[in-house]
Protein backbone atom coordinates (compact mmCIF):
# COMPACT_ATOMS: atom_id res chain seq x y z
CA MET A 1 -27.84 30.73 -77.71
CA LEU A 2 -28.21 26.96 -77.32
CA ARG A 3 -31.42 24.99 -77.70
CA ARG A 4 -32.45 22.41 -75.10
CA ILE A 5 -31.58 19.49 -77.39
CA GLU A 6 -28.10 20.92 -77.95
CA LEU A 7 -27.57 21.22 -74.20
CA GLU A 8 -28.84 17.65 -73.80
CA VAL A 9 -26.32 16.37 -76.34
CA LEU A 10 -23.45 18.23 -74.65
CA ALA A 11 -24.51 16.85 -71.27
CA THR A 12 -24.97 13.28 -72.49
CA VAL A 13 -22.44 12.51 -75.21
CA GLU A 14 -19.63 10.17 -74.24
CA ARG A 15 -16.46 9.93 -76.26
CA GLY A 16 -17.22 7.92 -79.34
CA ASP A 17 -21.03 7.79 -79.14
CA THR A 18 -22.67 7.20 -82.50
CA ILE A 19 -25.71 9.16 -83.66
CA ALA A 20 -27.83 6.05 -83.07
CA GLU A 21 -26.53 5.67 -79.51
CA LEU A 22 -27.21 9.32 -78.76
CA ALA A 23 -30.71 9.04 -80.22
CA ALA A 24 -31.42 6.08 -77.97
CA LYS A 25 -30.10 7.85 -74.86
CA LEU A 26 -32.13 11.00 -75.52
CA ASP A 27 -35.21 9.32 -76.98
CA HIS A 28 -35.14 11.28 -80.24
CA SER A 29 -35.03 10.19 -83.85
CA GLU A 30 -31.67 9.66 -85.51
CA SER A 31 -32.46 12.27 -88.15
CA TYR A 32 -33.21 14.88 -85.46
CA LEU A 33 -30.00 14.03 -83.58
CA SER A 34 -28.02 14.12 -86.80
CA ARG A 35 -29.20 17.67 -87.54
CA THR A 36 -28.48 18.74 -83.96
CA VAL A 37 -24.97 17.30 -84.05
CA ALA A 38 -24.33 19.07 -87.35
CA GLU A 39 -25.32 22.37 -85.73
CA LEU A 40 -23.03 21.72 -82.76
CA VAL A 41 -20.19 20.85 -85.12
CA GLU A 42 -20.74 24.17 -86.90
CA LYS A 43 -20.56 25.91 -83.52
CA GLU A 44 -17.34 23.95 -82.79
CA LEU A 45 -18.77 22.51 -79.58
CA VAL A 46 -18.52 18.88 -80.76
CA TYR A 47 -16.73 17.19 -83.60
CA THR A 48 -17.24 13.91 -85.41
CA GLU A 49 -14.99 11.09 -86.57
CA ARG A 50 -15.70 8.42 -89.14
CA ASP A 51 -15.52 4.83 -87.91
CA GLY A 52 -16.21 2.78 -90.98
CA ARG A 53 -19.79 3.52 -91.95
CA ARG A 54 -20.60 5.08 -88.59
CA LYS A 55 -20.02 8.63 -87.40
CA ARG A 56 -18.86 9.02 -83.81
CA VAL A 57 -19.50 12.22 -81.84
CA LEU A 58 -16.97 13.69 -79.41
CA PRO A 59 -17.14 16.82 -77.22
CA SER A 60 -14.77 19.58 -78.32
CA ALA A 61 -12.00 21.00 -76.14
CA ALA A 62 -13.81 24.35 -75.85
CA ARG A 63 -13.59 25.71 -72.30
CA ALA A 64 -17.36 26.25 -72.21
CA VAL A 65 -17.98 22.57 -72.97
CA GLU A 66 -15.55 21.49 -70.24
CA ILE A 67 -17.22 23.69 -67.60
CA TYR A 68 -20.73 22.60 -68.57
CA ARG A 69 -19.96 18.89 -68.60
CA ASP A 70 -18.21 19.17 -65.24
CA LEU A 71 -21.30 20.84 -63.76
CA VAL A 72 -23.52 18.11 -65.17
CA ARG A 73 -21.31 15.38 -63.69
CA GLN A 74 -21.18 16.96 -60.23
CA HIS A 75 -24.86 17.92 -60.06
CA SER A 76 -26.62 15.08 -61.86
CA HIS A 77 -29.88 15.88 -60.04
CA VAL A 78 -30.14 19.27 -61.81
CA ASP A 79 -31.84 19.42 -65.20
CA PHE A 80 -29.45 21.96 -66.72
CA PRO A 81 -30.82 21.62 -70.29
CA GLU A 82 -34.23 22.73 -69.04
CA LEU A 83 -32.89 25.59 -66.88
CA LEU A 84 -30.45 27.08 -69.36
CA THR A 85 -32.74 27.70 -72.32
CA GLY A 86 -34.30 31.00 -73.37
CA LYS A 87 -32.88 34.05 -71.60
CA ALA A 88 -31.19 32.09 -68.80
CA LEU A 89 -27.64 32.25 -70.20
CA GLU A 90 -27.96 35.98 -70.75
CA MET A 91 -29.00 36.51 -67.12
CA LEU A 92 -26.16 34.28 -65.91
CA TYR A 93 -23.69 36.24 -68.02
CA TYR A 94 -24.47 39.40 -66.05
CA LEU A 95 -24.46 37.69 -62.65
CA ASN A 96 -20.69 38.06 -62.27
CA GLN A 97 -21.33 39.68 -58.88
CA PRO A 98 -24.37 40.07 -56.60
CA ARG A 99 -26.92 42.17 -58.50
CA THR A 100 -30.51 43.30 -58.15
CA VAL A 101 -33.15 42.51 -60.74
CA SER A 102 -33.03 46.16 -61.87
CA GLU A 103 -29.27 46.07 -62.35
CA ILE A 104 -29.43 42.90 -64.45
CA ALA A 105 -32.36 44.27 -66.46
CA GLU A 106 -30.43 47.47 -67.20
CA ARG A 107 -27.21 45.70 -68.18
CA SER A 108 -28.93 43.07 -70.31
CA ASP A 109 -31.55 45.45 -71.76
CA ASN A 110 -34.38 43.13 -70.75
CA TYR A 111 -37.66 43.75 -68.96
CA ARG A 112 -37.65 43.32 -65.19
CA ASN A 113 -40.41 40.71 -65.55
CA THR A 114 -38.17 38.67 -67.84
CA VAL A 115 -35.26 38.81 -65.40
CA ASN A 116 -37.55 37.99 -62.47
CA ARG A 117 -39.00 34.98 -64.26
CA VAL A 118 -35.57 33.50 -65.09
CA LEU A 119 -34.06 34.15 -61.66
CA LYS A 120 -37.11 32.71 -59.88
CA ARG A 121 -36.70 29.51 -61.85
CA LEU A 122 -33.01 29.31 -60.86
CA ARG A 123 -33.81 30.20 -57.24
CA ASP A 124 -36.54 27.53 -57.00
CA ARG A 125 -33.93 24.93 -57.99
CA GLY A 126 -31.44 26.20 -55.43
CA LEU A 127 -28.87 27.54 -57.90
CA VAL A 128 -29.13 31.16 -56.77
CA GLY A 129 -30.32 32.95 -53.66
CA THR A 130 -31.03 36.51 -52.54
CA ASP A 131 -29.51 38.69 -49.86
CA ASP A 132 -30.79 42.22 -49.33
CA GLY A 133 -32.48 42.17 -52.74
CA ARG A 134 -29.37 41.04 -54.61
CA TYR A 135 -29.13 37.74 -56.41
CA ASP A 136 -25.99 35.62 -56.11
CA PHE A 137 -25.02 32.01 -56.72
CA ASN A 138 -25.26 29.29 -54.11
CA GLY A 139 -22.20 27.12 -53.57
CA ASP A 140 -20.17 26.34 -56.65
CA PHE A 141 -22.98 27.23 -59.05
CA ASP A 142 -21.04 30.41 -59.81
CA ARG A 143 -19.49 28.25 -62.53
CA LEU A 144 -22.72 28.82 -64.43
CA HIS A 145 -21.53 32.38 -64.95
CA ASP A 146 -18.18 30.99 -66.15
CA PHE A 147 -20.04 28.74 -68.58
CA ALA A 148 -22.12 31.61 -69.94
CA ARG A 149 -19.06 33.87 -70.26
CA GLU A 150 -16.94 31.20 -71.97
CA LEU A 151 -19.75 30.21 -74.32
CA ILE A 152 -20.30 33.81 -75.42
CA HIS A 153 -16.55 34.34 -75.84
CA HIS A 154 -16.38 31.16 -77.94
CA HIS A 155 -19.23 32.44 -80.10
CA HIS A 156 -17.60 35.88 -80.53
CA ARG A 157 -14.21 34.34 -81.37
CA GLN A 158 -15.80 32.09 -83.97
CA ARG A 159 -17.60 35.05 -85.54
CA LEU A 160 -14.43 37.14 -85.64
CA GLU A 161 -12.25 34.35 -87.02
CA SER A 162 -14.70 33.87 -89.89
CA VAL A 163 -13.76 37.34 -91.22
CA ALA A 164 -10.35 38.02 -89.60
CA PRO A 165 -8.50 34.85 -88.54
CA SER A 166 -5.77 36.75 -86.70
CA GLY A 167 -8.10 39.22 -84.98
CA THR A 168 -8.07 39.89 -81.23
CA ILE A 169 -11.03 40.68 -78.99
CA LEU A 170 -10.27 43.69 -76.76
CA TRP A 171 -13.65 43.96 -75.02
CA GLU A 172 -16.86 41.98 -75.14
CA ASP A 173 -20.38 41.93 -73.84
CA TYR A 174 -23.16 39.41 -74.30
CA ASP A 175 -24.03 40.54 -77.83
CA GLU A 176 -21.20 42.93 -78.80
CA PHE A 177 -17.43 42.95 -78.97
CA LEU A 178 -14.57 45.27 -79.88
CA ALA A 179 -11.89 43.70 -82.06
CA GLN A 180 -8.42 44.58 -83.32
CA THR A 181 -7.43 43.23 -86.72
CA GLU A 182 -4.69 43.68 -89.29
CA THR A 183 -7.09 43.51 -92.21
CA GLU A 184 -10.14 45.46 -93.28
CA ILE A 185 -13.53 43.95 -92.45
CA GLU A 186 -16.52 44.64 -94.67
CA ALA A 187 -18.87 42.03 -93.18
CA GLU A 188 -22.33 42.91 -91.92
CA HIS A 189 -22.58 44.23 -88.34
CA PHE A 190 -18.85 45.07 -88.12
CA HIS A 191 -18.51 48.84 -87.66
CA GLU A 192 -15.18 50.62 -87.99
CA THR A 193 -14.00 52.43 -84.90
CA GLY A 194 -10.69 53.55 -83.39
CA LEU A 195 -8.53 56.30 -84.89
CA ALA A 196 -9.75 55.62 -88.44
CA ARG A 197 -13.30 56.52 -87.34
CA PHE A 198 -12.18 60.02 -86.25
CA ALA A 199 -11.99 61.00 -89.93
CA ALA A 200 -15.80 61.01 -90.00
CA PHE A 201 -15.62 63.93 -87.57
CA ASP A 202 -12.96 65.85 -89.55
CA LEU A 203 -10.06 64.66 -87.40
CA GLN A 204 -7.38 62.92 -89.45
CA PHE A 205 -4.74 61.04 -87.45
CA LEU A 206 -1.71 59.00 -88.47
CA LEU A 207 -2.91 55.40 -88.42
CA THR A 208 -1.08 52.24 -87.40
CA ARG A 209 -1.36 48.93 -89.25
CA HIS A 210 -4.13 47.87 -86.88
CA ARG A 211 -7.83 48.33 -87.61
CA TYR A 212 -10.58 48.32 -85.02
CA TYR A 213 -14.20 47.21 -85.29
CA LEU A 214 -17.24 47.06 -83.07
CA TYR A 215 -19.43 44.04 -83.76
CA SER A 216 -23.03 44.95 -82.97
CA GLU A 217 -26.35 44.14 -84.58
CA ASP A 218 -28.02 47.11 -82.89
CA VAL A 219 -26.12 50.08 -84.37
CA GLU A 220 -25.54 51.51 -87.83
CA THR A 221 -22.36 53.45 -87.08
CA VAL A 222 -20.19 54.29 -84.08
CA PRO A 223 -21.26 57.67 -82.59
CA PRO A 224 -18.74 60.08 -80.94
CA ALA A 225 -19.50 59.08 -77.34
CA GLU A 226 -18.98 55.41 -78.17
CA LEU A 227 -15.85 56.23 -80.19
CA CYS A 228 -14.33 58.02 -77.21
CA CYS A 229 -14.84 54.93 -75.03
CA HIS A 230 -13.44 52.61 -77.70
CA THR A 231 -10.34 54.80 -78.00
CA LEU A 232 -9.64 54.44 -74.28
CA LEU A 233 -10.20 50.68 -74.45
CA ILE A 234 -7.71 50.43 -77.31
CA ASP A 235 -5.03 52.31 -75.37
CA ASP A 236 -5.43 54.57 -72.34
CA ASP A 237 -2.15 56.44 -72.87
CA THR A 238 -1.57 60.20 -73.19
CA ARG A 239 -1.85 60.13 -76.99
CA HIS A 240 -5.22 58.40 -77.07
CA ARG A 241 -6.56 60.51 -74.21
CA SER A 242 -5.52 63.62 -76.13
CA TYR A 243 -7.41 62.41 -79.20
CA CYS A 244 -10.51 61.85 -77.05
CA LEU A 245 -10.15 65.38 -75.68
CA LEU A 246 -9.98 66.74 -79.24
CA LEU A 247 -13.12 64.83 -80.16
CA LEU A 248 -15.03 66.05 -77.10
CA SER A 249 -13.94 69.62 -77.85
CA HIS A 250 -14.78 69.39 -81.55
CA VAL A 251 -18.11 67.54 -81.52
CA ASP A 252 -21.21 68.29 -79.48
CA VAL A 253 -21.45 65.17 -77.28
CA ASP A 254 -24.28 64.87 -74.79
CA GLU A 255 -22.64 64.45 -71.40
CA SER A 256 -25.32 62.16 -69.98
CA ASP A 257 -25.05 59.92 -73.04
CA LEU A 258 -21.27 59.87 -72.70
CA ARG A 259 -21.48 58.89 -69.04
CA GLU A 260 -24.05 56.19 -69.80
CA ARG A 261 -21.76 54.66 -72.42
CA ALA A 262 -18.79 54.98 -70.05
CA ALA A 263 -20.71 52.88 -67.51
CA LYS A 264 -21.30 50.24 -70.16
CA TYR A 265 -17.53 49.92 -70.68
CA ASP A 266 -16.59 50.39 -67.00
CA LEU A 267 -14.84 53.64 -67.89
CA GLU A 268 -16.72 56.02 -65.60
CA GLY A 269 -13.57 57.22 -63.84
CA GLU A 270 -11.63 57.78 -67.05
CA ILE A 271 -14.44 59.73 -68.74
CA ASP A 272 -15.05 61.79 -65.61
CA THR A 273 -11.35 62.75 -65.59
CA LEU A 274 -11.50 63.88 -69.24
CA LEU A 275 -14.57 66.00 -68.62
CA GLN A 276 -13.00 67.58 -65.53
CA TYR A 277 -9.84 68.30 -67.53
CA LEU A 278 -11.78 70.23 -70.19
CA GLU A 279 -13.97 72.03 -67.69
CA SER A 280 -11.02 73.12 -65.54
CA ARG A 281 -8.74 73.79 -68.53
CA GLY A 282 -6.18 71.26 -67.44
CA GLU A 283 -6.41 71.59 -63.67
CA VAL A 284 -6.37 67.82 -63.17
CA GLU A 285 -3.51 65.78 -61.76
CA ASP A 286 -3.04 62.79 -64.06
CA ASP A 287 0.22 61.65 -65.65
CA ARG A 288 -1.66 60.37 -68.70
CA LEU A 289 -3.08 63.79 -69.57
CA PRO A 290 -1.13 66.48 -71.46
CA GLU A 291 -0.23 69.83 -69.97
CA TRP A 292 -2.93 72.36 -70.92
CA SER A 293 -0.49 74.36 -73.04
CA GLU A 294 0.42 71.19 -74.97
CA PHE A 295 -3.22 70.41 -75.56
CA GLN A 296 -3.86 73.95 -76.76
CA GLU A 297 -1.11 73.53 -79.34
CA LEU A 298 -2.54 70.16 -80.42
CA ALA A 299 -6.03 71.67 -80.75
CA ALA A 300 -4.62 74.53 -82.84
CA ASP A 301 -2.85 72.04 -85.12
CA TYR A 302 -6.18 70.32 -85.80
CA GLU A 303 -8.12 73.60 -85.94
CA VAL A 304 -10.26 72.66 -82.98
CA PRO A 305 -11.44 75.75 -81.04
CA LEU A 306 -11.40 75.43 -77.26
CA ASP A 307 -14.01 77.08 -75.07
CA PRO A 308 -12.59 80.21 -73.38
C-alpha cells in the first residue's frame, strides 16, 4: 500500500519542508525524493506549494495522515516505516478485535506463515501481544488499526471519486468495496450489483435512480450468493428481503457458499433467517419478512416456482 520511503516522508515532513530539506533529513537524493513526493501527491497524502523557485511539501488533512503522524510523535523510538511495509497494514486492518493467526489468515486470504511472520515482528517490538492464542494491541497501539482502516478508506474513496465523484461507499474491506452512485460506471474492476443485477437471473425489478457496484480485482461478475448479500447491505427492509427470497428460490445457490459469503459481510444472522423462512414456508417471526401468502403471490407474479 505504502512503500517505506513514503512512510518515511509522512513521518518526517514538517510544514513547508522543501524537497532538498527532506532529502537531507532522509539521506536520499533529491530526484528520488521528488518522485516519492509526486506519488504521495497523487495519493492525496501530501500536497505541494510553490515558494518562488522552490516547492514546499505539506502533509494533507487526510485522517490517515493525522493518525500516523500522531503515532510517530508519541512513539519516536518505534521505526514505523520499517514495521508497516509489506503485508503489515493488511494484517493490522483485520486486527480490529483480538484474533488468532488462523482467523486473520482466513479474513485476509493470506497464508498462516505470512500472518505469523508479520505479527511476530510487531510482537517483538511490543506493539501487539497474545492472550490465549489471540493477538491484540498493547496500550494505545490499537491506533495502528485505525491508521490502516483510514488509509484503505482513503484509497477506496479516491478510486471511487475518479469514476463517480458523488458516489458513496456502503461497505468496504481491505481490497473491495460496495458503492452507490447516481451514474453508470464502466471502469475496469467495477461490477454492477444491486437490483439491476437481478436481470441477469431473469428477475426484472423497478429500479431507482441509484446504481450499485462492487469494486473487486478478483471477480469477473457478481454471483447470486454475493448479490443476495449486497442486496441486504443496500437496504435490509421487507422489499429487499423479498427480492433475495425470490433469487434464492429461483436460482440454485449452494448453501455453504452463501453462508461463507454472509460471514464475509457479517450477515450470518440475516441469511440464516432467510433460509429458515424458505425451509419452513414462512414460519419465522420477523417484521421485515412478508407473510408467506404475500410471498407466494410475489413469486407467482415473477413466475418463480416455490418448493412444495
